[in-house]
Amino acid sequence: MTVEYIRYRIAAEQQPAFGQALASANQLLAQAPDCLGYQLSHCEEDPELFIWRIEWLSVDRHLNGFRKSAQFGAFFQLVKPFYQSIQEMNHYAVVQAGPGAAAE
């Protein structure tokens, strides 16, 4: 598994459209056989920051599977208006994970 993190800075007036676009894009991710899951987080300290976390089977399955699929065209059209707002877009390998005490 690989985790893609996409960090956005979205101005307040763009946030409703951004939220709608990602909700629609997430519906496409939910149908993508290469996607394990996704999560959109909104920063509590800086209200213009968002992080979209997408879990993929692998980098290869993301780049050569989903990005070359028929779904990708529709997906990209949804997120394209916010492409210039991306501050980071990278794949990460999980090296440590576990529950915290509050999870029990």
PDB file of N, CA and C in Angstrom:
ATOM      1  N   MET A   1       0.843  -1.179   0.000  1.00  0.00           N
ATOM      2  CA  MET A   1       0.000   0.000   0.000  1.00  0.00           C
ATOM      3  C   MET A   1       0.885   1.237   0.000  1.00  0.00           C
ATOM      4  N   THR A   2       0.426   2.264  -0.696  1.00  0.00           N
ATOM      5  CA  THR A   2       1.068   3.571  -0.670  1.00  0.00           C
ATOM      6  C   THR A   2      -0.006   4.610  -0.358  1.00  0.00           C
ATOM      7  N   VAL A   3       0.409   5.682   0.293  1.00  0.00           N
ATOM      8  CA  VAL A   3      -0.518   6.748   0.654  1.00  0.00           C
ATOM      9  C   VAL A   3      -0.113   8.010  -0.088  1.00  0.00           C
ATOM     10  N   GLU A   4      -1.032   8.550  -0.846  1.00  0.00           N
ATOM     11  CA  GLU A   4      -0.812   9.815  -1.547  1.00  0.00           C
ATOM     12  C   GLU A   4      -1.375  10.932  -0.682  1.00  0.00           C
ATOM     13  N   TYR A   5      -0.552  11.927  -0.431  1.00  0.00           N
ATOM     14  CA  TYR A   5      -0.989  13.110   0.294  1.00  0.00           C
ATOM     15  C   TYR A   5      -0.986  14.285  -0.673  1.00  0.00           C
ATOM     16  N   ILE A   6      -2.116  14.968  -0.743  1.00  0.00           N
ATOM     17  CA  ILE A   6      -2.223  16.171  -1.568  1.00  0.00           C
ATOM     18  C   ILE A   6      -2.633  17.300  -0.623  1.00  0.00           C
ATOM     19  N   ARG A   7      -1.740  18.275  -0.486  1.00  0.00           N
ATOM     20  CA  ARG A   7      -1.978  19.391   0.431  1.00  0.00           C
ATOM     21  C   ARG A   7      -2.364  20.609  -0.390  1.00  0.00           C
ATOM     22  N   TYR A   8      -3.500  21.183  -0.037  1.00  0.00           N
ATOM     23  CA  TYR A   8      -4.053  22.343  -0.749  1.00  0.00           C
ATOM     24  C   TYR A   8      -4.122  23.559   0.163  1.00  0.00           C
ATOM     25  N   ARG A   9      -3.988  24.736  -0.420  1.00  0.00           N
ATOM     26  CA  ARG A   9      -4.343  25.998   0.236  1.00  0.00           C
ATOM     27  C   ARG A   9      -5.499  26.574  -0.580  1.00  0.00           C
ATOM     28  N   ILE A  10      -6.680  26.616   0.050  1.00  0.00           N
ATOM     29  CA  ILE A  10      -7.908  27.033  -0.620  1.00  0.00           C
ATOM     30  C   ILE A  10      -8.486  28.253   0.098  1.00  0.00           C
ATOM     31  N   ALA A  11      -8.638  29.347  -0.617  1.00  0.00           N
ATOM     32  CA  ALA A  11      -9.223  30.565  -0.047  1.00  0.00           C
ATOM     33  C   ALA A  11     -10.671  30.305   0.369  1.00  0.00           C
ATOM     34  N   ALA A  12     -11.126  31.027   1.360  1.00  0.00           N
ATOM     35  CA  ALA A  12     -12.459  30.811   1.931  1.00  0.00           C
ATOM     36  C   ALA A  12     -13.560  30.843   0.877  1.00  0.00           C
ATOM     37  N   GLU A  13     -13.478  31.767  -0.074  1.00  0.00           N
ATOM     38  CA  GLU A  13     -14.544  31.876  -1.070  1.00  0.00           C
ATOM     39  C   GLU A  13     -14.556  30.699  -2.052  1.00  0.00           C
ATOM     40  N   GLN A  14     -13.467  29.958  -2.153  1.00  0.00           N
ATOM     41  CA  GLN A  14     -13.400  28.795  -3.040  1.00  0.00           C
ATOM     42  C   GLN A  14     -13.766  27.487  -2.331  1.00  0.00           C
ATOM     43  N   GLN A  15     -13.843  27.518  -1.014  1.00  0.00           N
ATOM     44  CA  GLN A  15     -14.029  26.281  -0.259  1.00  0.00           C
ATOM     45  C   GLN A  15     -15.335  25.545  -0.539  1.00  0.00           C
ATOM     46  N   PRO A  16     -16.471  26.215  -0.732  1.00  0.00           N
ATOM     47  CA  PRO A  16     -17.682  25.455  -1.076  1.00  0.00           C
ATOM     48  C   PRO A  16     -17.533  24.680  -2.394  1.00  0.00           C
ATOM     49  N   ALA A  17     -16.995  25.318  -3.427  1.00  0.00           N
ATOM     50  CA  ALA A  17     -16.801  24.641  -4.710  1.00  0.00           C
ATOM     51  C   ALA A  17     -15.774  23.520  -4.582  1.00  0.00           C
ATOM     52  N   PHE A  18     -14.722  23.759  -3.808  1.00  0.00           N
ATOM     53  CA  PHE A  18     -13.698  22.743  -3.566  1.00  0.00           C
ATOM     54  C   PHE A  18     -14.312  21.516  -2.887  1.00  0.00           C
ATOM     55  N   GLY A  19     -15.102  21.747  -1.859  1.00  0.00           N
ATOM     56  CA  GLY A  19     -15.753  20.646  -1.146  1.00  0.00           C
ATOM     57  C   GLY A  19     -16.669  19.833  -2.051  1.00  0.00           C
ATOM     58  N   GLN A  20     -17.430  20.507  -2.889  1.00  0.00           N
ATOM     59  CA  GLN A  20     -18.324  19.813  -3.824  1.00  0.00           C
ATOM     60  C   GLN A  20     -17.536  19.014  -4.853  1.00  0.00           C
ATOM     61  N   ALA A  21     -16.470  19.606  -5.372  1.00  0.00           N
ATOM     62  CA  ALA A  21     -15.652  18.913  -6.376  1.00  0.00           C
ATOM     63  C   ALA A  21     -15.019  17.664  -5.794  1.00  0.00           C
ATOM     64  N   LEU A  22     -14.474  17.765  -4.577  1.00  0.00           N
ATOM     65  CA  LEU A  22     -13.839  16.594  -3.985  1.00  0.00           C
ATOM     66  C   LEU A  22     -14.859  15.538  -3.572  1.00  0.00           C
ATOM     67  N   ALA A  23     -16.044  15.950  -3.168  1.00  0.00           N
ATOM     68  CA  ALA A  23     -17.089  14.965  -2.859  1.00  0.00           C
ATOM     69  C   ALA A  23     -17.428  14.149  -4.109  1.00  0.00           C
ATOM     70  N   SER A  24     -17.524  14.803  -5.245  1.00  0.00           N
ATOM     71  CA  SER A  24     -17.790  14.091  -6.501  1.00  0.00           C
ATOM     72  C   SER A  24     -16.596  13.235  -6.908  1.00  0.00           C
ATOM     73  N   ALA A  25     -15.385  13.777  -6.749  1.00  0.00           N
ATOM     74  CA  ALA A  25     -14.178  13.011  -7.076  1.00  0.00           C
ATOM     75  C   ALA A  25     -14.055  11.787  -6.176  1.00  0.00           C
ATOM     76  N   ASN A  26     -14.422  11.930  -4.915  1.00  0.00           N
ATOM     77  CA  ASN A  26     -14.365  10.799  -3.985  1.00  0.00           C
ATOM     78  C   ASN A  26     -15.316   9.679  -4.399  1.00  0.00           C
ATOM     79  N   GLN A  27     -16.434  10.021  -5.015  1.00  0.00           N
ATOM     80  CA  GLN A  27     -17.346   8.984  -5.519  1.00  0.00           C
ATOM     81  C   GLN A  27     -16.665   8.157  -6.599  1.00  0.00           C
ATOM     82  N   LEU A  28     -15.855   8.799  -7.421  1.00  0.00           N
ATOM     83  CA  LEU A  28     -15.100   8.072  -8.443  1.00  0.00           C
ATOM     84  C   LEU A  28     -14.002   7.225  -7.813  1.00  0.00           C
ATOM     85  N   LEU A  29     -13.338   7.771  -6.781  1.00  0.00           N
ATOM     86  CA  LEU A  29     -12.322   6.981  -6.079  1.00  0.00           C
ATOM     87  C   LEU A  29     -12.935   5.741  -5.437  1.00  0.00           C
ATOM     88  N   ALA A  30     -14.130   5.892  -4.892  1.00  0.00           N
ATOM     89  CA  ALA A  30     -14.801   4.767  -4.233  1.00  0.00           C
ATOM     90  C   ALA A  30     -15.070   3.615  -5.204  1.00  0.00           C
ATOM     91  N   GLN A  31     -15.146   3.915  -6.479  1.00  0.00           N
ATOM     92  CA  GLN A  31     -15.395   2.894  -7.505  1.00  0.00           C
ATOM     93  C   GLN A  31     -14.115   2.380  -8.150  1.00  0.00           C
ATOM     94  N   ALA A  32     -12.988   3.003  -7.863  1.00  0.00           N
ATOM     95  CA  ALA A  32     -11.727   2.654  -8.520  1.00  0.00           C
ATOM     96  C   ALA A  32     -11.122   1.407  -7.879  1.00  0.00           C
ATOM     97  N   PRO A  33     -10.855   0.357  -8.657  1.00  0.00           N
ATOM     98  CA  PRO A  33     -10.315  -0.880  -8.089  1.00  0.00           C
ATOM     99  C   PRO A  33      -8.912  -0.728  -7.493  1.00  0.00           C
ATOM    100  N   ASP A  34      -8.179   0.335  -7.833  1.00  0.00           N
ATOM    101  CA  ASP A  34      -6.831   0.536  -7.312  1.00  0.00           C
ATOM    102  C   ASP A  34      -6.807   1.357  -6.025  1.00  0.00           C
ATOM    103  N   CYS A  35      -7.947   1.909  -5.631  1.00  0.00           N
ATOM    104  CA  CYS A  35      -8.044   2.775  -4.450  1.00  0.00           C
ATOM    105  C   CYS A  35      -8.548   1.985  -3.247  1.00  0.00           C
ATOM    106  N   LEU A  36      -7.804   2.073  -2.142  1.00  0.00           N
ATOM    107  CA  LEU A  36      -8.202   1.394  -0.905  1.00  0.00           C
ATOM    108  C   LEU A  36      -9.066   2.280  -0.009  1.00  0.00           C
ATOM    109  N   GLY A  37      -8.942   3.595  -0.136  1.00  0.00           N
ATOM    110  CA  GLY A  37      -9.712   4.507   0.699  1.00  0.00           C
ATOM    111  C   GLY A  37      -9.203   5.928   0.537  1.00  0.00           C
ATOM    112  N   TYR A  38      -9.907   6.874   1.139  1.00  0.00           N
ATOM    113  CA  TYR A  38      -9.560   8.288   1.022  1.00  0.00           C
ATOM    114  C   TYR A  38     -10.082   9.034   2.227  1.00  0.00           C
ATOM    115  N   GLN A  39      -9.527  10.212   2.462  1.00  0.00           N
ATOM    116  CA  GLN A  39      -9.948  11.052   3.582  1.00  0.00           C
ATOM    117  C   GLN A  39      -9.559  12.491   3.261  1.00  0.00           C
ATOM    118  N   LEU A  40     -10.469  13.417   3.451  1.00  0.00           N
ATOM    119  CA  LEU A  40     -10.174  14.840   3.310  1.00  0.00           C
ATOM    120  C   LEU A  40     -10.193  15.449   4.704  1.00  0.00           C
ATOM    121  N   SER A  41      -9.098  16.136   5.052  1.00  0.00           N
ATOM    122  CA  SER A  41      -8.995  16.788   6.362  1.00  0.00           C
ATOM    123  C   SER A  41      -8.838  18.286   6.168  1.00  0.00           C
ATOM    124  N   HIS A  42      -9.433  19.038   7.096  1.00  0.00           N
ATOM    125  CA  HIS A  42      -9.389  20.498   7.081  1.00  0.00           C
ATOM    126  C   HIS A  42      -8.616  20.943   8.314  1.00  0.00           C
ATOM    127  N   CYS A  43      -7.598  21.771   8.134  1.00  0.00           N
ATOM    128  CA  CYS A  43      -6.739  22.205   9.230  1.00  0.00           C
ATOM    129  C   CYS A  43      -7.528  23.074  10.224  1.00  0.00           C
ATOM    130  N   GLU A  44      -7.358  22.783  11.498  1.00  0.00           N
ATOM    131  CA  GLU A  44      -8.048  23.554  12.535  1.00  0.00           C
ATOM    132  C   GLU A  44      -7.315  24.845  12.885  1.00  0.00           C
ATOM    133  N   GLU A  45      -5.988  24.892  12.669  1.00  0.00           N
ATOM    134  CA  GLU A  45      -5.233  26.102  12.980  1.00  0.00           C
ATOM    135  C   GLU A  45      -5.192  27.085  11.817  1.00  0.00           C
ATOM    136  N   ASP A  46      -5.213  26.569  10.595  1.00  0.00           N
ATOM    137  CA  ASP A  46      -5.150  27.425   9.401  1.00  0.00           C
ATOM    138  C   ASP A  46      -6.305  27.008   8.489  1.00  0.00           C
ATOM    139  N   PRO A  47      -7.415  27.745   8.495  1.00  0.00           N
ATOM    140  CA  PRO A  47      -8.617  27.314   7.778  1.00  0.00           C
ATOM    141  C   PRO A  47      -8.503  27.263   6.255  1.00  0.00           C
ATOM    142  N   GLU A  48      -7.382  27.683   5.700  1.00  0.00           N
ATOM    143  CA  GLU A  48      -7.200  27.573   4.250  1.00  0.00           C
ATOM    144  C   GLU A  48      -6.514  26.270   3.846  1.00  0.00           C
ATOM    145  N   LEU A  49      -6.033  25.486   4.805  1.00  0.00           N
ATOM    146  CA  LEU A  49      -5.300  24.263   4.486  1.00  0.00           C
ATOM    147  C   LEU A  49      -6.196  23.025   4.529  1.00  0.00           C
ATOM    148  N   PHE A  50      -6.008  22.181   3.525  1.00  0.00           N
ATOM    149  CA  PHE A  50      -6.695  20.893   3.429  1.00  0.00           C
ATOM    150  C   PHE A  50      -5.664  19.835   3.051  1.00  0.00           C
ATOM    151  N   ILE A  51      -5.853  18.616   3.532  1.00  0.00           N
ATOM    152  CA  ILE A  51      -5.037  17.481   3.107  1.00  0.00           C
ATOM    153  C   ILE A  51      -5.978  16.379   2.651  1.00  0.00           C
ATOM    154  N   TRP A  52      -5.751  15.933   1.437  1.00  0.00           N
ATOM    155  CA  TRP A  52      -6.507  14.823   0.853  1.00  0.00           C
ATOM    156  C   TRP A  52      -5.589  13.619   0.906  1.00  0.00           C
ATOM    157  N   ARG A  53      -5.983  12.618   1.657  1.00  0.00           N
ATOM    158  CA  ARG A  53      -5.198  11.394   1.847  1.00  0.00           C
ATOM    159  C   ARG A  53      -5.870  10.281   1.059  1.00  0.00           C
ATOM    160  N   ILE A  54      -5.132   9.705   0.101  1.00  0.00           N
ATOM    161  CA  ILE A  54      -5.701   8.641  -0.731  1.00  0.00           C
ATOM    162  C   ILE A  54      -4.802   7.417  -0.621  1.00  0.00           C
ATOM    163  N   GLU A  55      -5.379   6.286  -0.249  1.00  0.00           N
ATOM    164  CA  GLU A  55      -4.633   5.034  -0.147  1.00  0.00           C
ATOM    165  C   GLU A  55      -4.784   4.261  -1.450  1.00  0.00           C
ATOM    166  N   TRP A  56      -3.629   3.874  -2.022  1.00  0.00           N
ATOM    167  CA  TRP A  56      -3.591   3.118  -3.266  1.00  0.00           C
ATOM    168  C   TRP A  56      -2.951   1.759  -3.017  1.00  0.00           C
ATOM    169  N   LEU A  57      -3.266   0.791  -3.854  1.00  0.00           N
ATOM    170  CA  LEU A  57      -2.626  -0.513  -3.748  1.00  0.00           C
ATOM    171  C   LEU A  57      -1.110  -0.382  -3.877  1.00  0.00           C
ATOM    172  N   SER A  58      -0.661   0.474  -4.776  1.00  0.00           N
ATOM    173  CA  SER A  58       0.765   0.750  -4.982  1.00  0.00           C
ATOM    174  C   SER A  58       0.878   2.014  -5.828  1.00  0.00           C
ATOM    175  N   VAL A  59       2.081   2.573  -5.885  1.00  0.00           N
ATOM    176  CA  VAL A  59       2.320   3.732  -6.752  1.00  0.00           C
ATOM    177  C   VAL A  59       2.040   3.337  -8.197  1.00  0.00           C
ATOM    178  N   ASP A  60       2.538   2.154  -8.586  1.00  0.00           N
ATOM    179  CA  ASP A  60       2.340   1.694  -9.961  1.00  0.00           C
ATOM    180  C   ASP A  60       0.859   1.554 -10.302  1.00  0.00           C
ATOM    181  N   ARG A  61       0.074   0.989  -9.397  1.00  0.00           N
ATOM    182  CA  ARG A  61      -1.360   0.822  -9.668  1.00  0.00           C
ATOM    183  C   ARG A  61      -2.069   2.174  -9.730  1.00  0.00           C
ATOM    184  N   HIS A  62      -1.578   3.157  -8.981  1.00  0.00           N
ATOM    185  CA  HIS A  62      -2.154   4.493  -9.069  1.00  0.00           C
ATOM    186  C   HIS A  62      -1.813   5.131 -10.422  1.00  0.00           C
ATOM    187  N   LEU A  63      -0.502   5.139 -10.745  1.00  0.00           N
ATOM    188  CA  LEU A  63      -0.054   5.843 -11.950  1.00  0.00           C
ATOM    189  C   LEU A  63      -0.394   5.106 -13.245  1.00  0.00           C
ATOM    190  N   ASN A  64      -0.298   3.791 -13.233  1.00  0.00           N
ATOM    191  CA  ASN A  64      -0.532   3.009 -14.454  1.00  0.00           C
ATOM    192  C   ASN A  64      -1.884   2.308 -14.478  1.00  0.00           C
ATOM    193  N   GLY A  65      -2.594   2.376 -13.359  1.00  0.00           N
ATOM    194  CA  GLY A  65      -3.945   1.827 -13.298  1.00  0.00           C
ATOM    195  C   GLY A  65      -4.969   2.947 -13.369  1.00  0.00           C
ATOM    196  N   PHE A  66      -5.191   3.595 -12.224  1.00  0.00           N
ATOM    197  CA  PHE A  66      -6.218   4.637 -12.142  1.00  0.00           C
ATOM    198  C   PHE A  66      -5.981   5.782 -13.126  1.00  0.00           C
ATOM    199  N   ARG A  67      -4.757   6.283 -13.188  1.00  0.00           N
ATOM    200  CA  ARG A  67      -4.499   7.440 -14.068  1.00  0.00           C
ATOM    201  C   ARG A  67      -4.634   7.116 -15.549  1.00  0.00           C
ATOM    202  N   LYS A  68      -4.664   5.851 -15.888  1.00  0.00           N
ATOM    203  CA  LYS A  68      -4.849   5.461 -17.287  1.00  0.00           C
ATOM    204  C   LYS A  68      -6.238   4.862 -17.523  1.00  0.00           C
ATOM    205  N   SER A  69      -7.090   4.949 -16.515  1.00  0.00           N
ATOM    206  CA  SER A  69      -8.434   4.381 -16.629  1.00  0.00           C
ATOM    207  C   SER A  69      -9.409   5.370 -17.263  1.00  0.00           C
ATOM    208  N   ALA A  70     -10.560   4.854 -17.643  1.00  0.00           N
ATOM    209  CA  ALA A  70     -11.623   5.700 -18.198  1.00  0.00           C
ATOM    210  C   ALA A  70     -12.144   6.683 -17.158  1.00  0.00           C
ATOM    211  N   GLN A  71     -12.105   6.318 -15.870  1.00  0.00           N
ATOM    212  CA  GLN A  71     -12.593   7.181 -14.792  1.00  0.00           C
ATOM    213  C   GLN A  71     -11.731   8.422 -14.599  1.00  0.00           C
ATOM    214  N   PHE A  72     -10.454   8.320 -14.948  1.00  0.00           N
ATOM    215  CA  PHE A  72      -9.540   9.419 -14.624  1.00  0.00           C
ATOM    216  C   PHE A  72      -9.906  10.727 -15.309  1.00  0.00           C
ATOM    217  N   GLY A  73     -10.392  10.683 -16.536  1.00  0.00           N
ATOM    218  CA  GLY A  73     -10.763  11.910 -17.236  1.00  0.00           C
ATOM    219  C   GLY A  73     -11.814  12.701 -16.471  1.00  0.00           C
ATOM    220  N   ALA A  74     -12.860  12.032 -16.023  1.00  0.00           N
ATOM    221  CA  ALA A  74     -13.909  12.698 -15.244  1.00  0.00           C
ATOM    222  C   ALA A  74     -13.370  13.180 -13.904  1.00  0.00           C
ATOM    223  N   PHE A  75     -12.546  12.361 -13.269  1.00  0.00           N
ATOM    224  CA  PHE A  75     -11.927  12.715 -11.990  1.00  0.00           C
ATOM    225  C   PHE A  75     -11.088  13.992 -12.143  1.00  0.00           C
ATOM    226  N   PHE A  76     -10.235  14.023 -13.179  1.00  0.00           N
ATOM    227  CA  PHE A  76      -9.345  15.158 -13.359  1.00  0.00           C
ATOM    228  C   PHE A  76     -10.120  16.443 -13.650  1.00  0.00           C
ATOM    229  N   GLN A  77     -11.193  16.351 -14.388  1.00  0.00           N
ATOM    230  CA  GLN A  77     -12.000  17.545 -14.670  1.00  0.00           C
ATOM    231  C   GLN A  77     -12.580  18.138 -13.387  1.00  0.00           C
ATOM    232  N   LEU A  78     -12.887  17.300 -12.417  1.00  0.00           N
ATOM    233  CA  LEU A  78     -13.420  17.783 -11.141  1.00  0.00           C
ATOM    234  C   LEU A  78     -12.363  18.521 -10.323  1.00  0.00           C
ATOM    235  N   VAL A  79     -11.148  17.992 -10.292  1.00  0.00           N
ATOM    236  CA  VAL A  79     -10.106  18.564  -9.435  1.00  0.00           C
ATOM    237  C   VAL A  79      -9.233  19.604 -10.143  1.00  0.00           C
ATOM    238  N   LYS A  80      -9.290  19.651 -11.463  1.00  0.00           N
ATOM    239  CA  LYS A  80      -8.446  20.554 -12.249  1.00  0.00           C
ATOM    240  C   LYS A  80      -8.545  22.023 -11.831  1.00  0.00           C
ATOM    241  N   PRO A  81      -9.733  22.568 -11.514  1.00  0.00           N
ATOM    242  CA  PRO A  81      -9.800  23.982 -11.117  1.00  0.00           C
ATOM    243  C   PRO A  81      -8.974  24.315  -9.870  1.00  0.00           C
ATOM    244  N   PHE A  82      -8.581  23.302  -9.098  1.00  0.00           N
ATOM    245  CA  PHE A  82      -7.851  23.525  -7.851  1.00  0.00           C
ATOM    246  C   PHE A  82      -6.389  23.081  -7.945  1.00  0.00           C
ATOM    247  N   TYR A  83      -5.959  22.726  -9.145  1.00  0.00           N
ATOM    248  CA  TYR A  83      -4.604  22.225  -9.349  1.00  0.00           C
ATOM    249  C   TYR A  83      -3.545  23.240  -8.929  1.00  0.00           C
ATOM    250  N   GLN A  84      -3.767  24.520  -9.208  1.00  0.00           N
ATOM    251  CA  GLN A  84      -2.800  25.556  -8.843  1.00  0.00           C
ATOM    252  C   GLN A  84      -2.733  25.794  -7.336  1.00  0.00           C
ATOM    253  N   SER A  85      -3.710  25.270  -6.601  1.00  0.00           N
ATOM    254  CA  SER A  85      -3.737  25.439  -5.142  1.00  0.00           C
ATOM    255  C   SER A  85      -2.980  24.340  -4.410  1.00  0.00           C
ATOM    256  N   ILE A  86      -2.435  23.385  -5.151  1.00  0.00           N
ATOM    257  CA  ILE A  86      -1.707  22.270  -4.536  1.00  0.00           C
ATOM    258  C   ILE A  86      -0.346  22.750  -4.051  1.00  0.00           C
ATOM    259  N   GLN A  87      -0.037  22.450  -2.796  1.00  0.00           N
ATOM    260  CA  GLN A  87       1.263  22.776  -2.216  1.00  0.00           C
ATOM    261  C   GLN A  87       2.168  21.552  -2.159  1.00  0.00           C
ATOM    262  N   GLU A  88       1.575  20.378  -2.127  1.00  0.00           N
ATOM    263  CA  GLU A  88       2.337  19.128  -2.124  1.00  0.00           C
ATOM    264  C   GLU A  88       1.465  18.031  -2.697  1.00  0.00           C
ATOM    265  N   MET A  89       2.078  17.148  -3.484  1.00  0.00           N
ATOM    266  CA  MET A  89       1.381  15.960  -3.979  1.00  0.00           C
ATOM    267  C   MET A  89       2.436  14.868  -4.124  1.00  0.00           C
ATOM    268  N   ASN A  90       2.478  13.968  -3.140  1.00  0.00           N
ATOM    269  CA  ASN A  90       3.489  12.918  -3.113  1.00  0.00           C
ATOM    270  C   ASN A  90       2.911  11.611  -2.590  1.00  0.00           C
ATOM    271  N   HIS A  91       3.619  10.525  -2.918  1.00  0.00           N
ATOM    272  CA  HIS A  91       3.283   9.196  -2.414  1.00  0.00           C
ATOM    273  C   HIS A  91       4.205   8.868  -1.242  1.00  0.00           C
ATOM    274  N   TYR A  92       3.657   8.257  -0.213  1.00  0.00           N
ATOM    275  CA  TYR A  92       4.423   7.890   0.977  1.00  0.00           C
ATOM    276  C   TYR A  92       4.201   6.416   1.294  1.00  0.00           C
ATOM    277  N   ALA A  93       5.252   5.764   1.723  1.00  0.00           N
ATOM    278  CA  ALA A  93       5.149   4.394   2.224  1.00  0.00           C
ATOM    279  C   ALA A  93       4.948   4.470   3.732  1.00  0.00           C
ATOM    280  N   VAL A  94       4.020   3.697   4.257  1.00  0.00           N
ATOM    281  CA  VAL A  94       3.786   3.660   5.697  1.00  0.00           C
ATOM    282  C   VAL A  94       4.912   2.848   6.332  1.00  0.00           C
ATOM    283  N   VAL A  95       5.631   3.455   7.292  1.00  0.00           N
ATOM    284  CA  VAL A  95       6.730   2.749   7.947  1.00  0.00           C
ATOM    285  C   VAL A  95       6.431   2.419   9.406  1.00  0.00           C
ATOM    286  N   GLN A  96       5.474   3.107   9.996  1.00  0.00           N
ATOM    287  CA  GLN A  96       5.038   2.793  11.347  1.00  0.00           C
ATOM    288  C   GLN A  96       3.571   3.163  11.480  1.00  0.00           C
ATOM    289  N   ALA A  97       2.832   2.346  12.199  1.00  0.00           N
ATOM    290  CA  ALA A  97       1.406   2.626  12.437  1.00  0.00           C
ATOM    291  C   ALA A  97       0.965   1.856  13.677  1.00  0.00           C
ATOM    292  N   GLY A  98      -0.059   2.323  14.308  1.00  0.00           N
ATOM    293  CA  GLY A  98      -0.596   1.638  15.474  1.00  0.00           C
ATOM    294  C   GLY A  98      -1.648   2.477  16.149  1.00  0.00           C
ATOM    295  N   PRO A  99      -2.435   1.887  17.019  1.00  0.00           N
ATOM    296  CA  PRO A  99      -3.475   2.628  17.726  1.00  0.00           C
ATOM    297  C   PRO A  99      -2.905   3.409  18.900  1.00  0.00           C
ATOM    298  N   GLY A 100      -3.546   4.498  19.224  1.00  0.00           N
ATOM    299  CA  GLY A 100      -3.213   5.257  20.420  1.00  0.00           C
ATOM    300  C   GLY A 100      -4.057   4.770  21.594  1.00  0.00           C
ATOM    301  N   ALA A 101      -3.752   5.230  22.790  1.00  0.00           N
ATOM    302  CA  ALA A 101      -4.460   4.772  23.982  1.00  0.00           C
ATOM    303  C   ALA A 101      -5.947   5.107  23.921  1.00  0.00           C
ATOM    304  N   ALA A 102      -6.311   6.210  23.267  1.00  0.00           N
ATOM    305  CA  ALA A 102      -7.720   6.608  23.198  1.00  0.00           C
ATOM    306  C   ALA A 102      -8.529   5.688  22.283  1.00  0.00           C
ATOM    307  N   ALA A 103      -7.862   4.881  21.471  1.00  0.00           N
ATOM    308  CA  ALA A 103      -8.563   3.993  20.538  1.00  0.00           C
ATOM    309  C   ALA A 103      -9.174   2.785  21.255  1.00  0.00           C
ATOM    310  N   GLU A 104      -8.753   2.533  22.461  1.00  0.00           N
ATOM    311  CA  GLU A 104      -9.237   1.338  23.183  1.00  0.00           C
ATOM    312  C   GLU A 104     -10.566   1.539  23.835  1.00  0.00           C
TER     313      GLU A 104
END
